[in-house]
């Protein structure tokens, strides 16, 4: 697994690469990362900045939380549905 770089480091590298003073390959080499890694960071930064379509980090986190909440609520809903069916059967006259 590749090592994770701190977010501050990523921001700094992206800022230097966006200045277009030197080629991206040179920026990547100077910071000790691969060119493909830098390309990916640039793409993700463009998405976060709204310059490119895609799911931002905040949107992804919100979606994860919503899915987690749904997984929690679905069983509760099923229990309530079964209880309502049971109670409606129990209240019928015999």
C-alpha atoms as a PDB file:
ATOM      1  CA  UNK A   1       0.000   0.000   0.000  1.00  0.00           C
ATOM      2  CA  UNK A   2       1.425   3.402  -0.886  1.00  0.00           C
ATOM      3  CA  UNK A   3       2.157   5.742   1.961  1.00  0.00           C
ATOM      4  CA  UNK A   4      -0.380   8.433   2.716  1.00  0.00           C
ATOM      5  CA  UNK A   5       0.778  12.014   2.434  1.00  0.00           C
ATOM      6  CA  UNK A   6      -0.589  14.700   4.770  1.00  0.00           C
ATOM      7  CA  UNK A   7      -3.283  16.912   3.267  1.00  0.00           C
ATOM      8  CA  UNK A   8      -1.142  20.014   3.787  1.00  0.00           C
ATOM      9  CA  UNK A   9       1.638  18.436   1.722  1.00  0.00           C
ATOM     10  CA  UNK A  10      -0.830  17.603  -1.044  1.00  0.00           C
ATOM     11  CA  UNK A  11      -2.177  21.163  -1.088  1.00  0.00           C
ATOM     12  CA  UNK A  12       1.343  22.581  -1.319  1.00  0.00           C
ATOM     13  CA  UNK A  13       2.328  20.270  -4.177  1.00  0.00           C
ATOM     14  CA  UNK A  14      -0.886  21.052  -6.081  1.00  0.00           C
ATOM     15  CA  UNK A  15      -0.337  24.785  -5.594  1.00  0.00           C
ATOM     16  CA  UNK A  16       3.202  24.535  -6.983  1.00  0.00           C
ATOM     17  CA  UNK A  17       2.041  22.404  -9.919  1.00  0.00           C
ATOM     18  CA  UNK A  18      -0.763  24.842 -10.749  1.00  0.00           C
ATOM     19  CA  UNK A  19       1.686  27.731 -11.093  1.00  0.00           C
ATOM     20  CA  UNK A  20       2.858  26.111 -14.360  1.00  0.00           C
ATOM     21  CA  UNK A  21       6.388  27.412 -13.869  1.00  0.00           C
ATOM     22  CA  UNK A  22       7.906  23.965 -14.415  1.00  0.00           C
ATOM     23  CA  UNK A  23       6.554  20.774 -16.006  1.00  0.00           C
ATOM     24  CA  UNK A  24       4.414  18.494 -13.856  1.00  0.00           C
ATOM     25  CA  UNK A  25       6.974  15.709 -14.167  1.00  0.00           C
ATOM     26  CA  UNK A  26       9.612  17.963 -12.627  1.00  0.00           C
ATOM     27  CA  UNK A  27       7.308  19.016  -9.756  1.00  0.00           C
ATOM     28  CA  UNK A  28       6.520  15.370  -9.006  1.00  0.00           C
ATOM     29  CA  UNK A  29      10.202  14.429  -9.045  1.00  0.00           C
ATOM     30  CA  UNK A  30      11.158  17.366  -6.815  1.00  0.00           C
ATOM     31  CA  UNK A  31       8.577  16.388  -4.198  1.00  0.00           C
ATOM     32  CA  UNK A  32       9.354  12.660  -4.410  1.00  0.00           C
ATOM     33  CA  UNK A  33       6.019  11.478  -5.767  1.00  0.00           C
ATOM     34  CA  UNK A  34       5.033   9.842  -9.028  1.00  0.00           C
ATOM     35  CA  UNK A  35       3.688  11.879 -11.902  1.00  0.00           C
ATOM     36  CA  UNK A  36       0.471   9.827 -11.923  1.00  0.00           C
ATOM     37  CA  UNK A  37       0.000  10.586  -8.222  1.00  0.00           C
ATOM     38  CA  UNK A  38       0.341  14.299  -8.889  1.00  0.00           C
ATOM     39  CA  UNK A  39      -2.076  14.084 -11.834  1.00  0.00           C
ATOM     40  CA  UNK A  40      -4.600  12.405  -9.527  1.00  0.00           C
ATOM     41  CA  UNK A  41      -4.134  15.069  -6.853  1.00  0.00           C
ATOM     42  CA  UNK A  42      -4.662  17.783  -9.460  1.00  0.00           C
ATOM     43  CA  UNK A  43      -7.837  16.075 -10.658  1.00  0.00           C
ATOM     44  CA  UNK A  44      -9.170  15.745  -7.093  1.00  0.00           C
ATOM     45  CA  UNK A  45      -8.304  19.385  -6.371  1.00  0.00           C
ATOM     46  CA  UNK A  46     -10.218  20.472  -9.482  1.00  0.00           C
ATOM     47  CA  UNK A  47     -13.244  18.491  -8.295  1.00  0.00           C
ATOM     48  CA  UNK A  48     -13.026  20.018  -4.803  1.00  0.00           C
ATOM     49  CA  UNK A  49     -12.730  23.511  -6.297  1.00  0.00           C
ATOM     50  CA  UNK A  50     -15.756  22.939  -8.540  1.00  0.00           C
ATOM     51  CA  UNK A  51     -13.769  23.249 -11.767  1.00  0.00           C
ATOM     52  CA  UNK A  52     -14.522  19.664 -12.765  1.00  0.00           C
ATOM     53  CA  UNK A  53     -17.615  17.502 -12.280  1.00  0.00           C
ATOM     54  CA  UNK A  54     -17.378  14.852  -9.594  1.00  0.00           C
ATOM     55  CA  UNK A  55     -18.116  14.011  -5.987  1.00  0.00           C
ATOM     56  CA  UNK A  56     -16.353  16.248  -3.487  1.00  0.00           C
ATOM     57  CA  UNK A  57     -14.949  14.964  -0.212  1.00  0.00           C
ATOM     58  CA  UNK A  58     -17.780  16.635   1.721  1.00  0.00           C
ATOM     59  CA  UNK A  59     -20.428  15.091  -0.544  1.00  0.00           C
ATOM     60  CA  UNK A  60     -18.857  11.654  -0.185  1.00  0.00           C
ATOM     61  CA  UNK A  61     -18.819  11.973   3.610  1.00  0.00           C
ATOM     62  CA  UNK A  62     -22.449  13.078   3.635  1.00  0.00           C
ATOM     63  CA  UNK A  63     -23.417  10.149   1.409  1.00  0.00           C
ATOM     64  CA  UNK A  64     -21.584   7.694   3.687  1.00  0.00           C
ATOM     65  CA  UNK A  65     -23.430   9.064   6.715  1.00  0.00           C
ATOM     66  CA  UNK A  66     -26.787   8.868   4.913  1.00  0.00           C
ATOM     67  CA  UNK A  67     -26.173   5.240   3.901  1.00  0.00           C
ATOM     68  CA  UNK A  68     -25.157   4.397   7.464  1.00  0.00           C
ATOM     69  CA  UNK A  69     -28.374   5.970   8.769  1.00  0.00           C
ATOM     70  CA  UNK A  70     -30.454   4.080   6.197  1.00  0.00           C
ATOM     71  CA  UNK A  71     -28.875   0.762   7.251  1.00  0.00           C
ATOM     72  CA  UNK A  72     -29.863   1.573  10.823  1.00  0.00           C
ATOM     73  CA  UNK A  73     -33.422   2.653  10.003  1.00  0.00           C
ATOM     74  CA  UNK A  74     -34.394  -0.191   7.646  1.00  0.00           C
ATOM     75  CA  UNK A  75     -34.535  -2.883  10.376  1.00  0.00           C
ATOM     76  CA  UNK A  76     -36.425  -0.515  12.677  1.00  0.00           C
ATOM     77  CA  UNK A  77     -38.957   0.115   9.927  1.00  0.00           C
ATOM     78  CA  UNK A  78     -39.384  -3.628   9.357  1.00  0.00           C
ATOM     79  CA  UNK A  79     -40.038  -4.183  13.074  1.00  0.00           C
ATOM     80  CA  UNK A  80     -42.665  -1.440  13.087  1.00  0.00           C
ATOM     81  CA  UNK A  81     -44.307  -2.873   9.967  1.00  0.00           C
ATOM     82  CA  UNK A  82     -44.539  -6.337  11.554  1.00  0.00           C
ATOM     83  CA  UNK A  83     -45.845  -4.893  14.822  1.00  0.00           C
ATOM     84  CA  UNK A  84     -48.541  -2.972  12.976  1.00  0.00           C
ATOM     85  CA  UNK A  85     -49.569  -6.108  11.073  1.00  0.00           C
ATOM     86  CA  UNK A  86     -49.682  -8.118  14.309  1.00  0.00           C
ATOM     87  CA  UNK A  87     -51.698  -5.489  16.144  1.00  0.00           C
ATOM     88  CA  UNK A  88     -54.185  -5.133  13.279  1.00  0.00           C
ATOM     89  CA  UNK A  89     -54.677  -8.945  13.305  1.00  0.00           C
ATOM     90  CA  UNK A  90     -55.098  -8.961  17.090  1.00  0.00           C
ATOM     91  CA  UNK A  91     -57.767  -6.257  17.033  1.00  0.00           C
ATOM     92  CA  UNK A  92     -60.024  -8.054  14.540  1.00  0.00           C
ATOM     93  CA  UNK A  93     -63.272  -9.437  16.094  1.00  0.00           C
ATOM     94  CA  UNK A  94     -63.461 -13.220  16.334  1.00  0.00           C
END
